[in-house]
Amino acid sequence: MADMVRVGGVERPCDEVLEYARDYLSGNGKWAYPAYDSYPGTPGGMVGDADLLAVCLLNAGQQMIPAYYGLQRLIEAMNETLRHPDLAGNFADAGPETLSAVADMFGILDKHPTPHVRKTKLMKVLHRKRPELIPLFDENIRRCYSELGSRPVPAVTGRLHRDFAMAWLPVLQRDLCEQRGFWDEIVSMADPAVPITPLRAMDIVGWHMGRRPR
């Protein structure tokens, strides 16, 4: 394993990141694991009302009452994207058609702009329905890819949400595939009763690496 791990334009020593991930996955009550990952939500592969509350368990609960109703209005659009025939398999092996189908999820917000709902909340709902394929997203992840270090996905003013996803997803896939052994090591730290995927491992690490200095 390399000495450094990369998320977007940020690199950190592997030992430091593994220590953080071990603490995060310890179930000590400080972090969102296992609360988010074990939350039952709505059974099956489609989004229902119960799934919408999962966003609170990843600290995306700002203005949650209007956000809940906004997400509720997007359930039909979310489920339409989840039915796309190309939305299958896992993220590491995803081809252009599958990445495009994932980008359509981001595009929900282009077609249906909704107060108090942005990419962070939307993807926290959708990830749980296809955790091997649908990535998480938040402000710290954005900073890793568009603001810090080499900025492999530069910010573009006025860019559509779907267009951002089409630029970001191949870079995210590269970071997953080129460092798969590292993500698998973090996956192995999780309780087998509450498993996580490599995409969730990347989210845990990216959130840590993209935090603003206090």
N, C-alpha and C. Protein backbone atom coordinates (compact mmCIF):
# COMPACT_ATOMS: atom_id res chain seq x y z
N MET A 1 0.85 -1.20 0.00
CA MET A 1 0.00 0.00 0.00
C MET A 1 0.88 1.25 0.00
N ALA A 2 0.47 2.26 -0.73
CA ALA A 2 1.21 3.52 -0.77
C ALA A 2 1.18 4.19 0.59
N ASP A 3 2.11 5.14 0.79
CA ASP A 3 2.18 5.85 2.06
C ASP A 3 1.11 6.92 2.20
N MET A 4 0.57 7.38 1.05
CA MET A 4 -0.41 8.47 1.05
C MET A 4 -1.70 7.99 0.38
N VAL A 5 -2.81 8.55 0.82
CA VAL A 5 -4.09 8.29 0.17
C VAL A 5 -4.61 9.60 -0.41
N ARG A 6 -5.29 9.52 -1.54
CA ARG A 6 -5.74 10.70 -2.27
C ARG A 6 -7.27 10.70 -2.38
N VAL A 7 -7.85 11.85 -2.13
CA VAL A 7 -9.26 12.10 -2.46
C VAL A 7 -9.28 13.41 -3.21
N GLY A 8 -9.54 13.35 -4.50
CA GLY A 8 -9.52 14.56 -5.32
C GLY A 8 -8.13 15.15 -5.36
N GLY A 9 -8.01 16.39 -4.91
CA GLY A 9 -6.72 17.06 -4.92
C GLY A 9 -6.00 17.03 -3.59
N VAL A 10 -6.49 16.23 -2.64
CA VAL A 10 -5.93 16.21 -1.29
C VAL A 10 -5.27 14.87 -1.02
N GLU A 11 -4.09 14.91 -0.41
CA GLU A 11 -3.42 13.68 0.02
C GLU A 11 -3.13 13.76 1.51
N ARG A 12 -3.24 12.61 2.18
CA ARG A 12 -2.92 12.51 3.59
C ARG A 12 -2.20 11.19 3.83
N PRO A 13 -1.38 11.11 4.89
CA PRO A 13 -0.72 9.84 5.21
C PRO A 13 -1.75 8.75 5.50
N CYS A 14 -1.51 7.57 4.96
CA CYS A 14 -2.46 6.46 5.15
C CYS A 14 -2.67 6.14 6.62
N ASP A 15 -1.59 6.13 7.39
CA ASP A 15 -1.73 5.77 8.80
C ASP A 15 -2.65 6.74 9.53
N GLU A 16 -2.54 8.02 9.23
CA GLU A 16 -3.41 9.03 9.87
C GLU A 16 -4.86 8.80 9.50
N VAL A 17 -5.11 8.53 8.23
CA VAL A 17 -6.47 8.35 7.76
C VAL A 17 -7.07 7.05 8.32
N LEU A 18 -6.27 5.99 8.37
CA LEU A 18 -6.77 4.74 8.91
C LEU A 18 -7.13 4.87 10.39
N GLU A 19 -6.36 5.64 11.12
CA GLU A 19 -6.67 5.87 12.53
C GLU A 19 -8.01 6.57 12.68
N TYR A 20 -8.24 7.59 11.84
CA TYR A 20 -9.52 8.29 11.86
C TYR A 20 -10.67 7.34 11.50
N ALA A 21 -10.48 6.56 10.43
CA ALA A 21 -11.54 5.65 9.99
C ALA A 21 -11.85 4.61 11.06
N ARG A 22 -10.84 4.13 11.74
CA ARG A 22 -11.03 3.14 12.80
C ARG A 22 -11.87 3.73 13.93
N ASP A 23 -11.60 4.98 14.28
CA ASP A 23 -12.39 5.65 15.31
C ASP A 23 -13.82 5.85 14.82
N TYR A 24 -13.98 6.29 13.59
CA TYR A 24 -15.31 6.56 13.02
C TYR A 24 -16.16 5.30 13.04
N LEU A 25 -15.56 4.17 12.73
CA LEU A 25 -16.31 2.91 12.59
C LEU A 25 -16.37 2.11 13.89
N SER A 26 -15.88 2.68 14.97
CA SER A 26 -15.83 1.95 16.23
C SER A 26 -17.19 1.87 16.92
N GLY A 27 -18.16 2.68 16.47
CA GLY A 27 -19.46 2.69 17.11
C GLY A 27 -19.44 3.31 18.49
N ASN A 28 -18.55 4.27 18.68
CA ASN A 28 -18.40 4.88 20.00
C ASN A 28 -19.39 6.00 20.27
N GLY A 29 -20.28 6.27 19.33
CA GLY A 29 -21.31 7.28 19.55
C GLY A 29 -20.92 8.68 19.13
N LYS A 30 -19.71 8.87 18.59
CA LYS A 30 -19.28 10.21 18.17
C LYS A 30 -19.65 10.52 16.72
N TRP A 31 -19.86 9.48 15.92
CA TRP A 31 -19.97 9.65 14.48
C TRP A 31 -21.28 9.05 13.95
N ALA A 32 -21.52 9.23 12.66
CA ALA A 32 -22.77 8.79 12.04
C ALA A 32 -22.85 7.27 11.86
N TYR A 33 -21.72 6.58 11.91
CA TYR A 33 -21.76 5.12 11.86
C TYR A 33 -21.92 4.58 13.28
N PRO A 34 -22.80 3.63 13.52
CA PRO A 34 -23.62 2.89 12.55
C PRO A 34 -25.03 3.46 12.33
N ALA A 35 -25.32 4.63 12.91
CA ALA A 35 -26.70 5.13 12.88
C ALA A 35 -27.24 5.25 11.45
N TYR A 36 -26.49 5.94 10.57
CA TYR A 36 -26.95 6.13 9.19
C TYR A 36 -27.02 4.80 8.46
N ASP A 37 -26.00 3.99 8.63
CA ASP A 37 -25.86 2.77 7.85
C ASP A 37 -26.83 1.67 8.29
N SER A 38 -27.29 1.71 9.53
CA SER A 38 -28.21 0.69 10.03
C SER A 38 -29.65 1.17 10.06
N TYR A 39 -29.88 2.44 9.76
CA TYR A 39 -31.24 2.97 9.78
C TYR A 39 -32.10 2.18 8.79
N PRO A 40 -33.25 1.63 9.22
CA PRO A 40 -33.99 0.72 8.33
C PRO A 40 -34.62 1.40 7.13
N GLY A 41 -35.15 2.60 7.28
CA GLY A 41 -35.75 3.28 6.14
C GLY A 41 -36.93 2.51 5.57
N THR A 42 -37.17 2.71 4.28
CA THR A 42 -38.25 2.03 3.56
C THR A 42 -37.73 0.75 2.95
N PRO A 43 -38.35 -0.40 3.18
CA PRO A 43 -37.86 -1.65 2.59
C PRO A 43 -37.88 -1.58 1.06
N GLY A 44 -36.95 -2.33 0.46
CA GLY A 44 -36.92 -2.43 -1.00
C GLY A 44 -36.02 -1.40 -1.65
N GLY A 45 -36.02 -1.42 -2.97
CA GLY A 45 -35.08 -0.61 -3.73
C GLY A 45 -35.57 0.76 -4.13
N MET A 46 -36.80 1.12 -3.76
CA MET A 46 -37.35 2.42 -4.12
C MET A 46 -37.41 3.31 -2.88
N VAL A 47 -37.38 4.62 -3.10
CA VAL A 47 -37.41 5.59 -2.01
C VAL A 47 -38.83 5.76 -1.49
N GLY A 48 -38.96 5.79 -0.17
CA GLY A 48 -40.23 6.11 0.49
C GLY A 48 -40.00 7.15 1.55
N ASP A 49 -41.07 7.56 2.21
CA ASP A 49 -40.98 8.64 3.19
C ASP A 49 -39.94 8.36 4.28
N ALA A 50 -39.87 7.12 4.75
CA ALA A 50 -38.96 6.81 5.86
C ALA A 50 -37.50 7.03 5.48
N ASP A 51 -37.16 6.90 4.22
CA ASP A 51 -35.77 7.09 3.78
C ASP A 51 -35.31 8.54 3.95
N LEU A 52 -36.24 9.47 3.92
CA LEU A 52 -35.88 10.89 3.90
C LEU A 52 -35.23 11.33 5.20
N LEU A 53 -35.53 10.65 6.29
CA LEU A 53 -34.97 11.04 7.59
C LEU A 53 -33.52 10.58 7.75
N ALA A 54 -33.05 9.73 6.86
CA ALA A 54 -31.67 9.25 6.97
C ALA A 54 -30.67 10.40 6.84
N VAL A 55 -31.04 11.47 6.15
CA VAL A 55 -30.08 12.56 5.96
C VAL A 55 -29.70 13.19 7.28
N CYS A 56 -30.60 13.16 8.27
CA CYS A 56 -30.28 13.73 9.59
C CYS A 56 -29.13 12.98 10.25
N LEU A 57 -28.99 11.71 9.93
CA LEU A 57 -27.99 10.86 10.58
C LEU A 57 -26.61 11.03 9.97
N LEU A 58 -26.49 11.85 8.94
CA LEU A 58 -25.18 12.22 8.39
C LEU A 58 -24.98 13.73 8.51
N ASN A 59 -25.58 14.31 9.54
CA ASN A 59 -25.39 15.74 9.84
C ASN A 59 -25.78 16.64 8.68
N ALA A 60 -26.84 16.26 7.97
CA ALA A 60 -27.37 17.12 6.91
C ALA A 60 -28.80 17.51 7.26
N GLY A 61 -29.03 17.82 8.52
CA GLY A 61 -30.38 18.06 8.99
C GLY A 61 -30.77 19.51 9.10
N GLN A 62 -30.02 20.42 8.50
CA GLN A 62 -30.37 21.83 8.58
C GLN A 62 -31.74 22.06 7.91
N GLN A 63 -32.58 22.87 8.58
CA GLN A 63 -33.92 23.17 8.05
C GLN A 63 -34.63 21.87 7.65
N MET A 64 -34.64 20.90 8.55
CA MET A 64 -35.06 19.57 8.17
C MET A 64 -36.55 19.46 7.87
N ILE A 65 -37.40 20.26 8.52
CA ILE A 65 -38.82 20.15 8.23
C ILE A 65 -39.11 20.58 6.79
N PRO A 66 -38.69 21.77 6.34
CA PRO A 66 -38.92 22.09 4.92
C PRO A 66 -38.14 21.19 3.99
N ALA A 67 -36.95 20.73 4.41
CA ALA A 67 -36.18 19.82 3.56
C ALA A 67 -36.92 18.49 3.39
N TYR A 68 -37.54 18.01 4.47
CA TYR A 68 -38.30 16.76 4.39
C TYR A 68 -39.42 16.88 3.36
N TYR A 69 -40.16 17.96 3.43
CA TYR A 69 -41.26 18.12 2.47
C TYR A 69 -40.73 18.32 1.05
N GLY A 70 -39.58 18.99 0.94
CA GLY A 70 -38.98 19.13 -0.38
C GLY A 70 -38.54 17.79 -0.95
N LEU A 71 -37.88 16.99 -0.12
CA LEU A 71 -37.47 15.64 -0.56
C LEU A 71 -38.70 14.79 -0.90
N GLN A 72 -39.74 14.96 -0.13
CA GLN A 72 -40.96 14.19 -0.38
C GLN A 72 -41.51 14.49 -1.78
N ARG A 73 -41.41 15.75 -2.19
CA ARG A 73 -41.89 16.12 -3.54
C ARG A 73 -41.00 15.52 -4.63
N LEU A 74 -39.80 15.11 -4.27
CA LEU A 74 -38.87 14.55 -5.25
C LEU A 74 -38.87 13.02 -5.29
N ILE A 75 -39.70 12.38 -4.47
CA ILE A 75 -39.68 10.91 -4.41
C ILE A 75 -39.96 10.30 -5.78
N GLU A 76 -40.96 10.79 -6.49
CA GLU A 76 -41.28 10.23 -7.80
C GLU A 76 -40.10 10.36 -8.76
N ALA A 77 -39.44 11.53 -8.76
CA ALA A 77 -38.28 11.72 -9.64
C ALA A 77 -37.12 10.82 -9.22
N MET A 78 -36.90 10.67 -7.91
CA MET A 78 -35.83 9.78 -7.44
C MET A 78 -36.08 8.35 -7.89
N ASN A 79 -37.30 7.88 -7.73
CA ASN A 79 -37.60 6.50 -8.10
C ASN A 79 -37.55 6.28 -9.61
N GLU A 80 -37.88 7.31 -10.36
CA GLU A 80 -37.75 7.20 -11.83
C GLU A 80 -36.29 6.96 -12.22
N THR A 81 -35.37 7.69 -11.57
CA THR A 81 -33.95 7.47 -11.90
C THR A 81 -33.48 6.11 -11.40
N LEU A 82 -34.00 5.64 -10.27
CA LEU A 82 -33.59 4.34 -9.74
C LEU A 82 -34.04 3.19 -10.65
N ARG A 83 -35.05 3.42 -11.46
CA ARG A 83 -35.53 2.39 -12.39
C ARG A 83 -34.76 2.34 -13.70
N HIS A 84 -33.82 3.24 -13.90
CA HIS A 84 -33.09 3.30 -15.17
C HIS A 84 -32.38 1.97 -15.40
N PRO A 85 -32.52 1.36 -16.57
CA PRO A 85 -31.92 0.04 -16.81
C PRO A 85 -30.40 0.02 -16.74
N ASP A 86 -29.75 1.16 -16.95
CA ASP A 86 -28.29 1.19 -16.87
C ASP A 86 -27.78 1.38 -15.45
N LEU A 87 -28.67 1.57 -14.49
CA LEU A 87 -28.26 1.78 -13.10
C LEU A 87 -28.12 0.41 -12.44
N ALA A 88 -26.99 -0.24 -12.72
CA ALA A 88 -26.76 -1.59 -12.23
C ALA A 88 -25.27 -1.80 -11.99
N GLY A 89 -24.95 -2.79 -11.17
CA GLY A 89 -23.56 -3.12 -10.91
C GLY A 89 -22.96 -2.26 -9.81
N ASN A 90 -21.64 -2.15 -9.83
CA ASN A 90 -20.94 -1.37 -8.81
C ASN A 90 -20.17 -0.22 -9.47
N PHE A 91 -19.79 0.74 -8.64
CA PHE A 91 -19.19 1.97 -9.16
C PHE A 91 -17.83 1.72 -9.81
N ALA A 92 -17.05 0.82 -9.25
CA ALA A 92 -15.71 0.58 -9.79
C ALA A 92 -15.78 0.10 -11.24
N ASP A 93 -16.77 -0.70 -11.57
CA ASP A 93 -16.89 -1.28 -12.90
C ASP A 93 -17.82 -0.51 -13.82
N ALA A 94 -18.37 0.61 -13.35
CA ALA A 94 -19.38 1.33 -14.11
C ALA A 94 -18.80 1.89 -15.41
N GLY A 95 -19.51 1.64 -16.52
CA GLY A 95 -19.14 2.21 -17.79
C GLY A 95 -19.81 3.56 -18.01
N PRO A 96 -19.59 4.17 -19.17
CA PRO A 96 -20.16 5.50 -19.43
C PRO A 96 -21.67 5.57 -19.30
N GLU A 97 -22.38 4.50 -19.72
CA GLU A 97 -23.84 4.55 -19.63
C GLU A 97 -24.30 4.54 -18.18
N THR A 98 -23.62 3.76 -17.35
CA THR A 98 -24.00 3.72 -15.94
C THR A 98 -23.66 5.02 -15.24
N LEU A 99 -22.49 5.58 -15.52
CA LEU A 99 -22.14 6.87 -14.92
C LEU A 99 -23.13 7.95 -15.35
N SER A 100 -23.59 7.88 -16.58
CA SER A 100 -24.59 8.84 -17.04
C SER A 100 -25.90 8.67 -16.28
N ALA A 101 -26.27 7.42 -15.97
CA ALA A 101 -27.49 7.16 -15.21
C ALA A 101 -27.35 7.69 -13.79
N VAL A 102 -26.16 7.57 -13.21
CA VAL A 102 -25.92 8.14 -11.88
C VAL A 102 -26.00 9.67 -11.95
N ALA A 103 -25.43 10.24 -12.99
CA ALA A 103 -25.48 11.70 -13.16
C ALA A 103 -26.92 12.20 -13.29
N ASP A 104 -27.80 11.37 -13.84
CA ASP A 104 -29.21 11.76 -13.94
C ASP A 104 -29.80 12.04 -12.55
N MET A 105 -29.27 11.38 -11.54
CA MET A 105 -29.77 11.62 -10.18
C MET A 105 -29.45 13.05 -9.74
N PHE A 106 -28.25 13.50 -10.03
CA PHE A 106 -27.89 14.88 -9.74
C PHE A 106 -28.78 15.83 -10.56
N GLY A 107 -29.11 15.40 -11.77
CA GLY A 107 -29.93 16.22 -12.65
C GLY A 107 -31.35 16.42 -12.18
N ILE A 108 -31.77 15.63 -11.19
CA ILE A 108 -33.11 15.85 -10.60
C ILE A 108 -33.23 17.30 -10.15
N LEU A 109 -32.15 17.85 -9.60
CA LEU A 109 -32.20 19.21 -9.07
C LEU A 109 -32.18 20.26 -10.18
N ASP A 110 -31.74 19.89 -11.37
CA ASP A 110 -31.85 20.81 -12.51
C ASP A 110 -33.30 20.89 -12.98
N LYS A 111 -33.97 19.74 -13.00
CA LYS A 111 -35.36 19.70 -13.47
C LYS A 111 -36.34 20.15 -12.40
N HIS A 112 -35.98 19.90 -11.14
CA HIS A 112 -36.90 20.19 -10.04
C HIS A 112 -36.16 20.93 -8.93
N PRO A 113 -35.73 22.16 -9.16
CA PRO A 113 -35.06 22.90 -8.08
C PRO A 113 -36.00 23.02 -6.89
N THR A 114 -35.46 22.69 -5.72
CA THR A 114 -36.29 22.55 -4.53
C THR A 114 -35.63 23.25 -3.35
N PRO A 115 -36.30 24.21 -2.73
CA PRO A 115 -35.71 24.89 -1.58
C PRO A 115 -35.29 23.90 -0.49
N HIS A 116 -34.11 24.15 0.10
CA HIS A 116 -33.57 23.36 1.21
C HIS A 116 -33.12 21.96 0.80
N VAL A 117 -33.13 21.67 -0.49
CA VAL A 117 -32.63 20.37 -0.97
C VAL A 117 -31.57 20.62 -2.02
N ARG A 118 -30.36 20.18 -1.72
CA ARG A 118 -29.28 20.26 -2.70
C ARG A 118 -28.64 18.88 -2.81
N LYS A 119 -27.51 18.83 -3.49
CA LYS A 119 -26.90 17.53 -3.78
C LYS A 119 -26.62 16.72 -2.51
N THR A 120 -26.22 17.39 -1.45
CA THR A 120 -25.85 16.66 -0.22
C THR A 120 -27.01 15.82 0.29
N LYS A 121 -28.15 16.45 0.53
CA LYS A 121 -29.30 15.71 1.06
C LYS A 121 -29.81 14.67 0.07
N LEU A 122 -29.88 15.06 -1.19
CA LEU A 122 -30.41 14.14 -2.21
C LEU A 122 -29.59 12.86 -2.27
N MET A 123 -28.27 12.98 -2.30
CA MET A 123 -27.43 11.79 -2.46
C MET A 123 -27.36 10.96 -1.18
N LYS A 124 -27.59 11.59 -0.03
CA LYS A 124 -27.63 10.82 1.21
C LYS A 124 -28.86 9.90 1.25
N VAL A 125 -29.93 10.32 0.62
CA VAL A 125 -31.09 9.45 0.48
C VAL A 125 -30.81 8.34 -0.53
N LEU A 126 -30.30 8.71 -1.70
CA LEU A 126 -30.17 7.75 -2.79
C LEU A 126 -29.06 6.73 -2.56
N HIS A 127 -27.98 7.12 -1.91
CA HIS A 127 -26.87 6.18 -1.68
C HIS A 127 -27.34 4.89 -1.01
N ARG A 128 -28.24 5.01 -0.07
CA ARG A 128 -28.66 3.84 0.70
C ARG A 128 -29.43 2.83 -0.15
N LYS A 129 -29.95 3.27 -1.30
CA LYS A 129 -30.70 2.35 -2.17
C LYS A 129 -29.79 1.55 -3.10
N ARG A 130 -28.62 2.08 -3.42
CA ARG A 130 -27.63 1.36 -4.24
C ARG A 130 -26.24 1.69 -3.68
N PRO A 131 -25.91 1.20 -2.48
CA PRO A 131 -24.67 1.65 -1.82
C PRO A 131 -23.39 1.25 -2.53
N GLU A 132 -23.44 0.25 -3.40
CA GLU A 132 -22.25 -0.14 -4.17
C GLU A 132 -22.04 0.76 -5.38
N LEU A 133 -23.06 1.53 -5.75
CA LEU A 133 -23.03 2.25 -7.02
C LEU A 133 -23.20 3.75 -6.88
N ILE A 134 -24.05 4.22 -5.97
CA ILE A 134 -24.38 5.64 -5.90
C ILE A 134 -23.52 6.30 -4.84
N PRO A 135 -22.70 7.29 -5.22
CA PRO A 135 -21.82 7.93 -4.25
C PRO A 135 -22.54 8.93 -3.38
N LEU A 136 -21.93 9.21 -2.24
CA LEU A 136 -22.37 10.31 -1.37
C LEU A 136 -21.67 11.59 -1.79
N PHE A 137 -22.22 12.71 -1.36
CA PHE A 137 -21.64 14.00 -1.71
C PHE A 137 -21.94 14.97 -0.58
N ASP A 138 -20.99 15.85 -0.28
CA ASP A 138 -21.24 16.94 0.67
C ASP A 138 -20.23 18.05 0.42
N GLU A 139 -20.28 19.08 1.24
CA GLU A 139 -19.42 20.24 1.04
C GLU A 139 -17.94 19.88 1.18
N ASN A 140 -17.60 18.99 2.09
CA ASN A 140 -16.20 18.62 2.26
C ASN A 140 -15.69 17.83 1.06
N ILE A 141 -16.52 16.97 0.51
CA ILE A 141 -16.14 16.26 -0.71
C ILE A 141 -15.95 17.26 -1.85
N ARG A 142 -16.86 18.21 -1.96
CA ARG A 142 -16.71 19.24 -3.01
C ARG A 142 -15.38 19.95 -2.87
N ARG A 143 -15.00 20.30 -1.65
CA ARG A 143 -13.74 21.01 -1.45
C ARG A 143 -12.56 20.14 -1.89
N CYS A 144 -12.61 18.85 -1.59
CA CYS A 144 -11.52 17.96 -2.00
C CYS A 144 -11.31 17.98 -3.52
N TYR A 145 -12.40 18.04 -4.26
CA TYR A 145 -12.31 17.92 -5.72
C TYR A 145 -12.25 19.25 -6.46
N SER A 146 -12.79 20.29 -5.85
CA SER A 146 -12.92 21.55 -6.61
C SER A 146 -12.23 22.74 -5.98
N GLU A 147 -11.67 22.59 -4.78
CA GLU A 147 -11.11 23.75 -4.10
C GLU A 147 -9.70 23.53 -3.57
N LEU A 148 -9.37 22.30 -3.21
CA LEU A 148 -8.10 22.02 -2.53
C LEU A 148 -7.10 21.32 -3.44
N GLY A 149 -5.84 21.59 -3.18
CA GLY A 149 -4.77 20.89 -3.91
C GLY A 149 -4.84 21.12 -5.41
N SER A 150 -4.78 20.04 -6.15
CA SER A 150 -4.75 20.13 -7.62
C SER A 150 -6.12 20.42 -8.24
N ARG A 151 -7.18 20.39 -7.45
CA ARG A 151 -8.55 20.71 -7.92
C ARG A 151 -8.87 20.00 -9.24
N PRO A 152 -8.98 18.68 -9.22
CA PRO A 152 -9.20 17.96 -10.48
C PRO A 152 -10.55 18.20 -11.13
N VAL A 153 -11.50 18.74 -10.37
CA VAL A 153 -12.81 19.10 -10.96
C VAL A 153 -13.05 20.58 -10.66
N PRO A 154 -12.45 21.47 -11.43
CA PRO A 154 -12.54 22.90 -11.13
C PRO A 154 -13.98 23.40 -11.12
N ALA A 155 -14.24 24.34 -10.25
CA ALA A 155 -15.58 24.93 -10.19
C ALA A 155 -15.86 25.70 -11.48
N VAL A 156 -17.10 25.61 -11.94
CA VAL A 156 -17.55 26.32 -13.13
C VAL A 156 -18.84 27.06 -12.76
N THR A 157 -18.83 28.35 -12.85
CA THR A 157 -19.99 29.15 -12.47
C THR A 157 -21.18 28.81 -13.36
N GLY A 158 -22.31 28.55 -12.72
CA GLY A 158 -23.54 28.31 -13.47
C GLY A 158 -23.68 26.90 -14.03
N ARG A 159 -22.75 26.01 -13.70
CA ARG A 159 -22.82 24.65 -14.24
C ARG A 159 -24.02 23.91 -13.67
N LEU A 160 -24.71 23.16 -14.50
CA LEU A 160 -25.82 22.34 -14.05
C LEU A 160 -25.33 21.25 -13.11
N HIS A 161 -26.20 20.79 -12.22
CA HIS A 161 -25.84 19.73 -11.30
C HIS A 161 -25.44 18.46 -12.05
N ARG A 162 -26.16 18.15 -13.11
CA ARG A 162 -25.83 16.95 -13.88
C ARG A 162 -24.47 17.09 -14.55
N ASP A 163 -24.18 18.26 -15.07
CA ASP A 163 -22.89 18.49 -15.73
C ASP A 163 -21.74 18.39 -14.72
N PHE A 164 -21.96 18.88 -13.51
CA PHE A 164 -20.95 18.69 -12.48
C PHE A 164 -20.71 17.20 -12.26
N ALA A 165 -21.78 16.44 -12.14
CA ALA A 165 -21.64 15.01 -11.89
C ALA A 165 -20.87 14.32 -13.02
N MET A 166 -21.14 14.70 -14.26
CA MET A 166 -20.44 14.08 -15.38
C MET A 166 -18.95 14.38 -15.37
N ALA A 167 -18.57 15.53 -14.80
CA ALA A 167 -17.15 15.85 -14.65
C ALA A 167 -16.55 15.15 -13.43
N TRP A 168 -17.32 15.03 -12.37
CA TRP A 168 -16.81 14.51 -11.10
C TRP A 168 -16.74 12.99 -11.03
N LEU A 169 -17.75 12.32 -11.55
CA LEU A 169 -17.85 10.87 -11.36
C LEU A 169 -16.65 10.10 -11.92
N PRO A 170 -16.12 10.41 -13.11
CA PRO A 170 -14.94 9.66 -13.57
C PRO A 170 -13.71 9.87 -12.69
N VAL A 171 -13.57 11.05 -12.11
CA VAL A 171 -12.43 11.31 -11.22
C VAL A 171 -12.61 10.55 -9.91
N LEU A 172 -13.83 10.54 -9.41
CA LEU A 172 -14.13 9.75 -8.22
C LEU A 172 -13.87 8.27 -8.47
N GLN A 173 -14.28 7.80 -9.63
CA GLN A 173 -14.05 6.39 -9.99
C GLN A 173 -12.55 6.09 -10.05
N ARG A 174 -11.77 6.99 -10.59
CA ARG A 174 -10.31 6.80 -10.60
C ARG A 174 -9.76 6.68 -9.19
N ASP A 175 -10.20 7.57 -8.30
CA ASP A 175 -9.71 7.52 -6.92
C ASP A 175 -10.12 6.23 -6.23
N LEU A 176 -11.27 5.70 -6.58
CA LEU A 176 -11.70 4.42 -6.01
C LEU A 176 -10.86 3.27 -6.55
N CYS A 177 -10.73 3.19 -7.87
CA CYS A 177 -10.09 2.03 -8.49
C CYS A 177 -8.59 1.99 -8.24
N GLU A 178 -7.93 3.13 -8.29
CA GLU A 178 -6.48 3.15 -8.14
C GLU A 178 -6.04 2.89 -6.70
N GLN A 179 -6.96 3.02 -5.75
CA GLN A 179 -6.61 2.83 -4.33
C GLN A 179 -7.55 1.82 -3.68
N ARG A 180 -8.02 0.86 -4.46
CA ARG A 180 -9.05 -0.05 -3.99
C ARG A 180 -8.63 -0.81 -2.74
N GLY A 181 -7.37 -1.21 -2.64
CA GLY A 181 -6.93 -1.93 -1.46
C GLY A 181 -7.10 -1.13 -0.19
N PHE A 182 -6.86 0.18 -0.27
CA PHE A 182 -7.01 1.04 0.89
C PHE A 182 -8.47 1.11 1.32
N TRP A 183 -9.37 1.32 0.37
CA TRP A 183 -10.80 1.41 0.70
C TRP A 183 -11.30 0.08 1.25
N ASP A 184 -10.81 -1.03 0.70
CA ASP A 184 -11.22 -2.34 1.21
C ASP A 184 -10.75 -2.54 2.65
N GLU A 185 -9.59 -2.00 3.00
CA GLU A 185 -9.12 -2.11 4.37
C GLU A 185 -10.08 -1.39 5.32
N ILE A 186 -10.55 -0.22 4.91
CA ILE A 186 -11.51 0.50 5.75
C ILE A 186 -12.83 -0.25 5.82
N VAL A 187 -13.27 -0.79 4.70
CA VAL A 187 -14.50 -1.59 4.70
C VAL A 187 -14.41 -2.73 5.71
N SER A 188 -13.25 -3.34 5.81
CA SER A 188 -13.07 -4.48 6.72
C SER A 188 -13.15 -4.08 8.19
N MET A 189 -13.02 -2.78 8.49
CA MET A 189 -13.10 -2.32 9.88
C MET A 189 -14.54 -2.26 10.39
N ALA A 190 -15.51 -2.22 9.49
CA ALA A 190 -16.90 -2.08 9.90
C ALA A 190 -17.41 -3.37 10.53
N ASP A 191 -18.39 -3.22 11.40
CA ASP A 191 -19.07 -4.37 11.99
C ASP A 191 -19.74 -5.17 10.87
N PRO A 192 -19.49 -6.48 10.77
CA PRO A 192 -20.14 -7.27 9.71
C PRO A 192 -21.66 -7.18 9.75
N ALA A 193 -22.22 -6.88 10.92
CA ALA A 193 -23.68 -6.75 11.01
C ALA A 193 -24.17 -5.44 10.40
N VAL A 194 -23.27 -4.47 10.24
CA VAL A 194 -23.61 -3.18 9.61
C VAL A 194 -22.52 -2.87 8.60
N PRO A 195 -22.50 -3.56 7.47
CA PRO A 195 -21.41 -3.39 6.52
C PRO A 195 -21.47 -2.05 5.80
N ILE A 196 -20.32 -1.64 5.27
CA ILE A 196 -20.24 -0.47 4.42
C ILE A 196 -19.61 -0.88 3.10
N THR A 197 -19.68 0.01 2.13
CA THR A 197 -19.10 -0.24 0.81
C THR A 197 -17.87 0.66 0.62
N PRO A 198 -17.07 0.38 -0.41
CA PRO A 198 -15.94 1.27 -0.69
C PRO A 198 -16.36 2.73 -0.91
N LEU A 199 -17.53 2.95 -1.50
CA LEU A 199 -17.99 4.34 -1.69
C LEU A 199 -18.25 5.01 -0.35
N ARG A 200 -18.80 4.29 0.59
CA ARG A 200 -19.01 4.86 1.93
C ARG A 200 -17.67 5.11 2.61
N ALA A 201 -16.71 4.21 2.42
CA ALA A 201 -15.38 4.42 2.98
C ALA A 201 -14.76 5.69 2.41
N MET A 202 -14.92 5.93 1.12
CA MET A 202 -14.39 7.15 0.50
C MET A 202 -15.07 8.39 1.06
N ASP A 203 -16.35 8.28 1.32
CA ASP A 203 -17.08 9.41 1.90
C ASP A 203 -16.56 9.73 3.30
N ILE A 204 -16.33 8.70 4.11
CA ILE A 204 -15.81 8.89 5.46
C ILE A 204 -14.48 9.62 5.41
N VAL A 205 -13.61 9.18 4.52
CA VAL A 205 -12.27 9.76 4.41
C VAL A 205 -12.33 11.16 3.79
N GLY A 206 -13.11 11.31 2.73
CA GLY A 206 -13.20 12.61 2.06
C GLY A 206 -13.78 13.68 2.96
N TRP A 207 -14.77 13.31 3.78
CA TRP A 207 -15.33 14.29 4.72
C TRP A 207 -14.25 14.77 5.69
N HIS A 208 -13.42 13.84 6.14
CA HIS A 208 -12.33 14.18 7.07
C HIS A 208 -11.28 15.06 6.38
N MET A 209 -10.89 14.69 5.17
CA MET A 209 -9.82 15.40 4.49
C MET A 209 -10.24 16.77 3.98
N GLY A 210 -11.53 16.95 3.74
CA GLY A 210 -12.01 18.22 3.19
C GLY A 210 -12.50 19.21 4.23
N ARG A 211 -12.41 18.86 5.51
CA ARG A 211 -12.90 19.78 6.55
C ARG A 211 -12.10 21.08 6.56
N ARG A 212 -12.81 22.16 6.80
CA ARG A 212 -12.14 23.45 6.95
C ARG A 212 -11.38 23.49 8.27
N PRO A 213 -10.20 24.09 8.28
CA PRO A 213 -9.46 24.19 9.54
C PRO A 213 -10.24 24.97 10.58
N ARG A 214 -10.18 24.53 11.81
CA ARG A 214 -10.88 25.24 12.88
C ARG A 214 -10.03 26.38 13.40
